[in-house]
Amino acid sequence: MKWKKYVLTMVSVLIITGCTFGGYFPGEIENIEEGAEEPMLTTSSIVKLSNTEHVNFVGDEVQDNEDGQEFSNLDKEDEPVSNNPINPLTGLPVDNPENLLLPPALVSVTNFPTTARPQAGLSTSSVVFELSIGDGMTRYLAIFYGDYPRSSIQEKSGDMQEGLTEGVQEPVIGPVRSGRLPYEYVRQLFNGFIVMASAYSKVADQLNDYVNVIGDDQSDINSALVSVSDIEKIAQESDNKIGDGALSGMVFEKDIPEGGKNAPSLWIFYAYKNQVFWRFNEDDGSYHRWQDDADGSTFIEQTDRLNGEPLTYENVVVLFADHTVENTYLIDVDLLYVIRGKAQLFRDGQVYDIYWTTKSEEYEKTTGKLRPIRFIDAEGNPFPLKPGQTWIELMPKFSPFWETVDSEKYHILASGRSKGSGYWGAYFKLDN
């Protein structure tokens, strides 16, 4: 059965026809596998846009939620021991093993404008890629696989959280925004489908296996949300069932690896008005995300609007890769057939010098399919992530990475150098 063509309006499915910085990161050059073929890029078989010449570059919409509705998922640290199958993207058991046969959903989630925050559903994502979309802004490609958000009815106070969730009858993810060039490579690596709010025609032509989400409030750029039930329905009707080994390669171990350096904090600079802190929390053993309020100074802990809980990730990876700038808003990232690229892994309050690879191994050579990014040590052995969720910050290859100082002031962080401080910085720097 071929993919059906969908446009999702709010949560309904309709079938249709048609600052300059001095410094240098001593990274090693990534080698592209010799003889590897570039993927054939064609227009999606899921959705054929009626007028690709006038596709809206920015996606639309957000859905409001019903009073008293709250969404929750199991606390990651307190999850009981289970004999259920393990999610290969988290190293944790799943409640619904049959979902492991379905392809992952890769949802394009907005980060700007700040009115989109807090986003919905990120706390249940297995992996999130954060990438530059130009003008100092970033966007998330959140991968949902295995267990999805669940809902529970609880009393809520009349605050901003209530306003953001007013009117929604079931768990949703978003706000959903437009597709970007690197999405196709991630989709191939994770054997999934993309959920986005349209795309610029030059981008849409490069993407395969996607669905479009369209909201009903054209005055609200953040009004597109996709319901979990719609995502599950699309996945269930897909011919792309996940077979043995299709998502293998990521290794998880609870024991803390040797050789790490102290890392209670990671500062990520994308732009003056787009700065992120990842701060290690000893109580839950994960990194919590904080971001400035597009003012370069007011840092707010990021939460999930579905449950009000902080965004926490057991693993934060700074992944250095070649970036190609076609224009201000068209930035591609080379992720396929890379023999070895450099990365930094933050887990358990430690940082590790590691590498990443997407080279063809026995699975790729025998099946003709790809697998997710694998993390390795200097000898090429698998390097373990902590069981749990992973957030990947995509950085240009020679972006500076160093130990800075404990501060929230940009000029102090950017110029600070303090070996052994444990306060790390990564500075997004394009060579263009």
Protein backbone atom coordinates (compact mmCIF):
# COMPACT_ATOMS: atom_id res chain seq x y z
CA MET A 1 0.00 0.00 0.00
CA LYS A 2 1.37 3.41 -0.93
CA TRP A 3 1.37 6.33 1.45
CA LYS A 4 -1.90 8.19 1.49
CA LYS A 5 -1.85 11.91 0.91
CA TYR A 6 -2.68 13.88 4.04
CA VAL A 7 -3.18 17.42 5.11
CA LEU A 8 -3.77 17.68 8.84
CA THR A 9 -5.97 20.59 9.84
CA MET A 10 -5.50 21.16 13.54
CA VAL A 11 -6.03 17.60 14.77
CA SER A 12 -8.29 16.37 11.94
CA VAL A 13 -7.09 14.30 8.99
CA LEU A 14 -8.35 15.21 5.54
CA ILE A 15 -7.53 13.07 2.51
CA ILE A 16 -6.68 15.26 -0.47
CA THR A 17 -5.56 14.76 -4.04
CA GLY A 18 -3.32 16.96 -4.72
CA CYS A 19 28.67 38.86 16.44
CA THR A 20 32.01 37.76 15.43
CA PHE A 21 34.12 35.44 17.55
CA GLY A 22 37.81 34.64 17.45
CA GLY A 23 38.78 31.06 18.09
CA TYR A 24 39.09 27.69 16.45
CA PHE A 25 37.85 24.25 17.23
CA PRO A 26 40.60 21.70 16.60
CA GLY A 27 38.19 19.29 14.95
CA GLU A 28 39.26 16.74 12.43
CA ILE A 29 37.99 16.80 8.89
CA GLU A 30 35.04 14.53 8.28
CA ASN A 31 35.62 12.00 5.55
CA ILE A 32 32.81 11.14 3.22
CA GLU A 33 32.75 7.50 2.34
CA GLU A 34 34.33 6.86 -1.02
CA GLY A 35 31.94 5.46 -3.57
CA ALA A 36 28.89 6.25 -1.48
CA GLU A 37 25.96 7.35 -3.55
CA GLU A 38 24.07 10.49 -2.69
CA PRO A 39 20.41 9.77 -1.91
CA MET A 40 17.96 10.36 -4.70
CA LEU A 41 15.85 13.34 -3.68
CA THR A 42 12.34 13.57 -5.10
CA THR A 43 9.06 15.17 -4.20
CA SER A 44 7.25 13.46 -1.35
CA SER A 45 5.02 10.53 -2.13
CA ILE A 46 2.82 11.45 0.82
CA VAL A 47 1.76 14.95 -0.07
CA LYS A 48 1.74 16.67 -3.43
CA LEU A 49 1.38 20.37 -2.82
CA SER A 50 -1.04 21.99 -5.22
CA ASN A 51 1.19 24.96 -6.00
CA THR A 52 4.81 24.44 -5.08
CA GLU A 53 5.67 27.82 -6.57
CA HIS A 54 3.82 29.53 -3.73
CA VAL A 55 4.36 27.20 -0.79
CA ASN A 56 4.36 29.16 2.44
CA PHE A 57 7.93 29.23 3.77
CA VAL A 58 6.75 29.46 7.35
CA GLY A 59 4.23 27.07 8.80
CA ASP A 60 1.04 28.06 10.52
CA GLU A 61 -1.15 27.37 13.47
CA VAL A 62 -1.62 26.28 17.07
CA GLN A 63 -4.45 24.57 18.80
CA ASP A 64 -5.81 25.64 22.16
CA ASN A 65 -6.41 23.14 24.95
CA GLU A 66 -9.32 22.37 27.28
CA ASP A 67 -9.48 23.62 30.89
CA GLY A 68 -8.42 20.99 33.39
CA GLN A 69 -6.62 18.85 30.82
CA GLU A 70 -3.06 17.83 31.59
CA PHE A 71 -0.70 15.39 29.98
CA SER A 72 1.93 13.25 31.64
CA ASN A 73 4.45 10.50 31.05
CA LEU A 74 6.33 8.26 33.44
CA ASP A 75 9.17 9.82 35.39
CA LYS A 76 12.28 8.59 33.64
CA GLU A 77 14.35 8.00 36.78
CA ASP A 78 11.53 6.20 38.61
CA GLU A 79 10.45 3.95 35.75
CA PRO A 80 10.08 0.40 37.12
CA VAL A 81 12.10 -2.53 35.85
CA SER A 82 10.29 -4.08 32.90
CA ASN A 83 10.60 -7.13 30.69
CA ASN A 84 9.11 -5.20 27.79
CA PRO A 85 11.16 -4.73 24.62
CA ILE A 86 13.73 -1.93 24.63
CA ASN A 87 13.42 1.20 22.54
CA PRO A 88 16.65 1.25 20.49
CA LEU A 89 16.63 5.06 20.50
CA THR A 90 16.49 5.42 24.30
CA GLY A 91 17.67 2.14 25.77
CA LEU A 92 14.51 2.05 27.90
CA PRO A 93 11.59 -0.43 27.92
CA VAL A 94 8.39 0.62 26.17
CA ASP A 95 4.82 0.28 27.41
CA ASN A 96 3.46 -0.50 23.93
CA PRO A 97 5.83 -2.95 22.19
CA GLU A 98 3.71 -2.98 19.03
CA ASN A 99 4.67 0.68 18.47
CA LEU A 100 8.26 -0.42 17.85
CA LEU A 101 7.09 -1.85 14.51
CA LEU A 102 5.90 1.58 13.37
CA PRO A 103 8.20 4.12 11.69
CA PRO A 104 9.35 7.06 13.83
CA ALA A 105 7.60 10.41 13.40
CA LEU A 106 9.99 13.32 12.82
CA VAL A 107 8.11 16.48 13.80
CA SER A 108 9.34 19.96 12.85
CA VAL A 109 8.82 21.99 16.03
CA THR A 110 9.31 25.76 16.16
CA ASN A 111 11.49 27.64 18.63
CA PHE A 112 10.84 31.17 17.33
CA PRO A 113 9.08 33.46 17.92
CA THR A 114 9.17 33.03 21.69
CA THR A 115 5.36 32.96 21.76
CA ALA A 116 5.69 29.32 20.63
CA ARG A 117 7.23 28.44 23.98
CA PRO A 118 6.66 26.29 25.88
CA GLN A 119 6.26 23.75 23.11
CA ALA A 120 4.03 20.68 23.42
CA GLY A 121 5.18 17.08 23.60
CA LEU A 122 8.98 17.44 23.60
CA SER A 123 9.28 15.72 26.97
CA THR A 124 8.27 12.43 25.32
CA SER A 125 10.61 12.62 22.32
CA SER A 126 13.32 9.98 21.96
CA VAL A 127 15.79 12.22 20.14
CA VAL A 128 15.74 15.92 19.22
CA PHE A 129 17.96 17.63 16.64
CA GLU A 130 18.38 21.40 17.04
CA LEU A 131 19.57 23.15 13.88
CA SER A 132 20.14 26.65 12.61
CA ILE A 133 17.52 28.04 10.21
CA GLY A 134 19.21 31.40 9.64
CA ASP A 135 19.13 34.86 11.23
CA GLY A 136 20.33 33.32 14.49
CA MET A 137 17.17 31.23 14.92
CA THR A 138 16.95 27.48 15.50
CA ARG A 139 14.31 24.83 14.96
CA TYR A 140 13.83 21.34 16.36
CA LEU A 141 13.32 18.06 14.54
CA ALA A 142 11.86 15.92 17.31
CA ILE A 143 11.74 12.15 16.85
CA PHE A 144 8.82 10.30 18.44
CA TYR A 145 9.12 6.53 18.56
CA GLY A 146 7.76 3.85 20.87
CA ASP A 147 5.59 5.39 23.57
CA TYR A 148 3.65 8.60 22.87
CA PRO A 149 2.29 11.26 25.27
CA ARG A 150 -0.57 10.12 27.49
CA SER A 151 -3.25 12.32 29.04
CA SER A 152 -4.61 12.59 32.56
CA ILE A 153 -7.25 14.93 33.99
CA GLN A 154 -5.96 17.10 36.80
CA GLU A 155 -6.95 20.41 38.30
CA LYS A 156 -5.09 23.40 36.93
CA SER A 157 -4.64 26.92 38.11
CA GLY A 158 -5.50 29.87 35.91
CA ASP A 159 -2.03 30.66 34.61
CA MET A 160 -0.27 30.85 31.25
CA GLN A 161 -0.04 27.05 31.10
CA GLU A 162 -3.83 26.86 31.16
CA GLY A 163 -4.14 29.42 28.39
CA LEU A 164 -1.70 27.54 26.16
CA THR A 165 -3.58 24.26 26.55
CA GLU A 166 -7.14 25.53 26.51
CA GLY A 167 -9.36 23.65 24.06
CA VAL A 168 -7.19 20.63 23.26
CA GLN A 169 -9.01 17.34 23.78
CA GLU A 170 -6.04 14.96 23.46
CA PRO A 171 -2.23 14.99 23.50
CA VAL A 172 -0.67 17.09 20.76
CA ILE A 173 2.83 17.95 19.53
CA GLY A 174 4.05 21.31 18.27
CA PRO A 175 3.75 24.08 17.26
CA VAL A 176 4.64 22.56 13.92
CA ARG A 177 6.52 24.70 11.39
CA SER A 178 8.04 24.41 7.95
CA GLY A 179 10.47 21.77 6.73
CA ARG A 180 14.22 22.30 6.30
CA LEU A 181 16.87 20.73 4.08
CA PRO A 182 18.61 18.51 6.70
CA TYR A 183 15.33 16.79 7.54
CA GLU A 184 15.62 14.40 4.62
CA TYR A 185 18.96 13.02 5.82
CA VAL A 186 17.65 12.52 9.36
CA ARG A 187 14.52 10.86 7.93
CA GLN A 188 16.62 8.38 5.98
CA LEU A 189 18.86 7.64 8.95
CA PHE A 190 15.91 7.00 11.26
CA ASN A 191 13.65 5.29 8.69
CA GLY A 192 10.74 7.59 9.52
CA PHE A 193 8.35 10.17 8.10
CA ILE A 194 8.37 13.96 8.47
CA VAL A 195 5.54 16.04 9.94
CA MET A 196 5.82 19.71 8.97
CA ALA A 197 3.77 22.79 8.18
CA SER A 198 4.60 22.99 4.47
CA ALA A 199 7.96 24.16 3.14
CA TYR A 200 9.58 26.54 0.71
CA SER A 201 9.33 24.91 -2.73
CA LYS A 202 13.10 24.43 -3.05
CA VAL A 203 13.05 22.55 0.26
CA ALA A 204 9.87 20.55 -0.41
CA ASP A 205 11.38 19.22 -3.63
CA GLN A 206 14.19 17.68 -1.58
CA LEU A 207 11.99 15.92 0.99
CA ASN A 208 10.34 12.50 0.87
CA ASP A 209 7.68 10.82 3.03
CA TYR A 210 6.15 13.83 4.72
CA VAL A 211 2.77 15.06 5.84
CA ASN A 212 1.67 18.68 6.14
CA VAL A 213 -0.07 20.13 9.18
CA ILE A 214 -2.22 23.19 8.57
CA GLY A 215 -3.93 25.15 11.33
CA ASP A 216 -7.16 27.14 11.13
CA ASP A 217 -5.95 30.48 12.49
CA GLN A 218 -4.07 32.26 9.73
CA SER A 219 -3.34 35.16 12.08
CA ASP A 220 -1.33 32.92 14.44
CA ILE A 221 1.97 31.64 13.07
CA ASN A 222 2.18 29.14 15.92
CA SER A 223 -1.24 27.60 15.53
CA ALA A 224 -0.37 24.23 13.95
CA LEU A 225 -0.39 21.28 16.33
CA VAL A 226 -0.58 17.61 15.40
CA SER A 227 -2.46 15.15 17.58
CA VAL A 228 -0.78 11.99 18.74
CA SER A 229 -3.67 9.94 17.37
CA ASP A 230 -3.06 11.38 13.89
CA ILE A 231 0.64 10.52 14.09
CA GLU A 232 -0.16 6.98 15.16
CA LYS A 233 -2.70 6.61 12.34
CA ILE A 234 -0.21 7.75 9.71
CA ALA A 235 2.46 5.42 11.10
CA GLN A 236 0.07 2.47 11.18
CA GLU A 237 -0.96 2.97 7.55
CA SER A 238 2.63 3.21 6.37
CA ASP A 239 4.23 0.41 4.38
CA ASN A 240 7.53 1.29 6.04
CA LYS A 241 7.42 -1.17 8.94
CA ILE A 242 10.53 -1.19 11.11
CA GLY A 243 12.40 -4.46 10.72
CA ASP A 244 15.17 -6.05 12.75
CA GLY A 245 18.22 -3.82 13.03
CA ALA A 246 16.67 -0.83 11.27
CA LEU A 247 17.21 1.45 14.27
CA SER A 248 20.22 -0.33 15.76
CA GLY A 249 23.62 1.16 16.47
CA MET A 250 23.03 3.46 19.42
CA VAL A 251 24.47 1.87 22.57
CA PHE A 252 23.24 2.60 26.11
CA GLU A 253 24.83 1.81 29.47
CA LYS A 254 23.79 2.99 32.91
CA ASP A 255 27.33 2.82 34.31
CA ILE A 256 29.24 6.09 33.96
CA PRO A 257 32.13 5.71 31.47
CA GLU A 258 35.66 6.56 32.52
CA GLY A 259 37.62 9.44 31.06
CA GLY A 260 35.05 12.20 31.40
CA LYS A 261 35.63 15.78 32.50
CA ASN A 262 33.51 17.73 34.97
CA ALA A 263 30.57 19.32 33.13
CA PRO A 264 27.76 20.79 35.26
CA SER A 265 26.91 23.31 32.53
CA LEU A 266 26.96 23.78 28.77
CA TRP A 267 26.36 27.18 27.15
CA ILE A 268 25.31 27.14 23.49
CA PHE A 269 25.55 30.38 21.53
CA TYR A 270 23.58 30.52 18.28
CA ALA A 271 23.06 34.29 18.38
CA TYR A 272 22.94 36.99 21.04
CA LYS A 273 19.16 36.54 21.28
CA ASN A 274 19.33 32.76 21.01
CA GLN A 275 21.45 31.37 23.83
CA VAL A 276 20.91 28.06 25.62
CA PHE A 277 22.15 26.60 28.86
CA TRP A 278 22.10 22.89 29.62
CA ARG A 279 22.48 22.50 33.39
CA PHE A 280 23.05 19.17 35.07
CA ASN A 281 20.61 18.29 37.83
CA GLU A 282 22.03 15.80 40.31
CA ASP A 283 18.59 14.95 41.68
CA ASP A 284 17.31 13.41 38.44
CA GLY A 285 20.64 12.75 36.69
CA SER A 286 19.73 14.71 33.57
CA TYR A 287 20.44 18.04 31.89
CA HIS A 288 17.73 20.72 32.08
CA ARG A 289 17.32 23.20 29.24
CA TRP A 290 17.29 26.94 29.88
CA GLN A 291 16.98 29.56 27.14
CA ASP A 292 17.07 33.33 26.98
CA ASP A 293 13.80 35.11 26.26
CA ALA A 294 15.15 36.45 22.94
CA ASP A 295 16.82 39.23 24.93
CA GLY A 296 20.27 37.77 25.60
CA SER A 297 19.88 38.04 29.36
CA THR A 298 16.68 36.55 30.85
CA PHE A 299 17.15 32.78 31.02
CA ILE A 300 14.02 30.71 31.53
CA GLU A 301 13.86 26.99 32.27
CA GLN A 302 12.08 25.35 29.34
CA THR A 303 9.06 23.15 30.00
CA ASP A 304 6.53 21.03 28.16
CA ARG A 305 3.17 22.77 27.94
CA LEU A 306 1.36 19.43 28.14
CA ASN A 307 2.49 18.66 31.67
CA GLY A 308 4.37 21.73 32.91
CA GLU A 309 7.46 19.60 33.55
CA PRO A 310 11.01 20.82 32.74
CA LEU A 311 12.63 19.62 29.52
CA THR A 312 15.23 17.12 30.74
CA TYR A 313 17.58 15.01 28.66
CA GLU A 314 19.98 12.36 29.90
CA ASN A 315 22.30 12.98 26.95
CA VAL A 316 23.22 16.23 25.24
CA VAL A 317 25.47 15.87 22.19
CA VAL A 318 27.29 18.72 20.47
CA LEU A 319 27.75 17.29 16.98
CA PHE A 320 30.14 19.01 14.58
CA ALA A 321 29.29 18.63 10.89
CA ASP A 322 29.77 20.40 7.57
CA HIS A 323 27.19 23.15 7.01
CA THR A 324 26.44 24.52 3.54
CA VAL A 325 24.80 27.94 3.28
CA GLU A 326 22.78 28.34 0.09
CA ASN A 327 21.23 31.57 1.33
CA THR A 328 20.30 33.14 4.66
CA TYR A 329 17.44 30.72 5.28
CA LEU A 330 18.68 27.66 3.37
CA ILE A 331 21.32 25.89 5.44
CA ASP A 332 22.12 22.25 4.78
CA VAL A 333 24.01 19.88 7.08
CA ASP A 334 26.04 16.93 5.80
CA LEU A 335 25.02 13.85 7.82
CA LEU A 336 25.16 10.93 5.36
CA TYR A 337 28.02 8.49 4.74
CA VAL A 338 30.38 10.24 7.14
CA ILE A 339 33.18 7.94 8.26
CA ARG A 340 34.00 9.94 11.37
CA GLY A 341 33.10 13.36 12.73
CA LYS A 342 33.83 14.93 16.08
CA ALA A 343 31.31 15.33 18.92
CA GLN A 344 31.06 16.10 22.62
CA LEU A 345 28.79 13.99 24.81
CA PHE A 346 27.35 15.39 28.04
CA ARG A 347 25.96 12.76 30.41
CA ASP A 348 25.96 12.27 34.19
CA GLY A 349 27.57 15.68 34.77
CA GLN A 350 30.57 14.70 32.62
CA VAL A 351 31.69 15.56 29.10
CA TYR A 352 33.43 13.11 26.78
CA ASP A 353 35.41 13.61 23.58
CA ILE A 354 33.73 11.22 21.16
CA TYR A 355 33.03 10.76 17.46
CA TRP A 356 29.99 10.06 15.31
CA THR A 357 29.58 8.04 12.15
CA THR A 358 27.02 7.17 9.49
CA LYS A 359 29.33 5.06 7.34
CA SER A 360 28.02 1.95 5.65
CA GLU A 361 28.56 -1.21 7.65
CA GLU A 362 27.26 -4.76 7.21
CA TYR A 363 23.62 -3.81 7.79
CA GLU A 364 23.72 -0.99 5.24
CA LYS A 365 25.55 -3.07 2.66
CA THR A 366 23.17 -6.02 2.90
CA THR A 367 19.84 -4.15 3.19
CA GLY A 368 20.49 -0.98 1.21
CA LYS A 369 19.01 0.99 4.13
CA LEU A 370 20.58 3.38 6.60
CA ARG A 371 20.64 3.39 10.41
CA PRO A 372 20.74 6.20 12.96
CA ILE A 373 23.90 8.11 13.81
CA ARG A 374 26.26 5.95 15.88
CA PHE A 375 28.60 7.33 18.54
CA ILE A 376 32.10 5.86 18.84
CA ASP A 377 35.42 6.36 20.62
CA ALA A 378 38.78 7.15 19.03
CA GLU A 379 39.32 3.45 18.23
CA GLY A 380 35.94 3.10 16.56
CA ASN A 381 34.28 1.20 19.40
CA PRO A 382 30.68 2.09 20.32
CA PHE A 383 30.51 4.77 23.01
CA PRO A 384 27.56 4.40 25.38
CA LEU A 385 24.89 6.97 25.96
CA LYS A 386 22.97 7.01 29.22
CA PRO A 387 19.60 5.23 28.95
CA GLY A 388 17.07 7.96 28.28
CA GLN A 389 16.49 10.81 25.86
CA THR A 390 19.09 12.54 23.68
CA TRP A 391 19.27 16.14 22.45
CA ILE A 392 21.67 16.83 19.56
CA GLU A 393 22.99 20.35 18.90
CA LEU A 394 24.17 20.58 15.27
CA MET A 395 27.25 22.83 14.99
CA PRO A 396 29.48 23.74 12.05
CA LYS A 397 32.65 21.69 12.01
CA PHE A 398 35.07 24.32 13.26
CA SER A 399 32.81 26.03 15.78
CA PRO A 400 34.76 26.89 18.97
CA PHE A 401 34.28 24.64 21.99
CA TRP A 402 36.04 25.45 25.25
CA GLU A 403 35.82 25.79 29.02
CA THR A 404 34.47 29.18 29.97
CA VAL A 405 33.36 30.60 33.33
CA ASP A 406 30.23 30.55 35.47
CA SER A 407 28.19 33.50 34.21
CA GLU A 408 25.04 34.46 32.31
CA LYS A 409 26.64 37.55 30.74
CA TYR A 410 27.41 37.13 27.07
CA HIS A 411 30.69 39.07 26.99
CA ILE A 412 32.01 37.21 30.05
CA LEU A 413 31.03 33.81 28.66
CA ALA A 414 32.45 34.51 25.19
CA SER A 415 35.79 35.78 26.46
CA GLY A 416 36.10 33.61 29.55
CA ARG A 417 38.73 30.88 29.70
CA SER A 418 38.97 28.74 32.83
CA LYS A 419 40.45 25.27 32.43
CA GLY A 420 38.92 22.84 34.88
CA SER A 421 35.89 25.02 35.62
CA GLY A 422 33.42 22.52 34.18
CA TYR A 423 31.48 25.35 32.50
CA TRP A 424 31.64 24.60 28.80
CA GLY A 425 30.76 26.74 25.82
CA ALA A 426 29.99 26.02 22.15
CA TYR A 427 29.78 28.94 19.72
CA PHE A 428 27.89 28.48 16.46
CA LYS A 429 30.19 29.81 13.73
CA LEU A 430 29.57 29.46 10.01
CA ASP A 431 32.37 29.80 7.49
CA ASN A 432 30.55 31.86 4.87
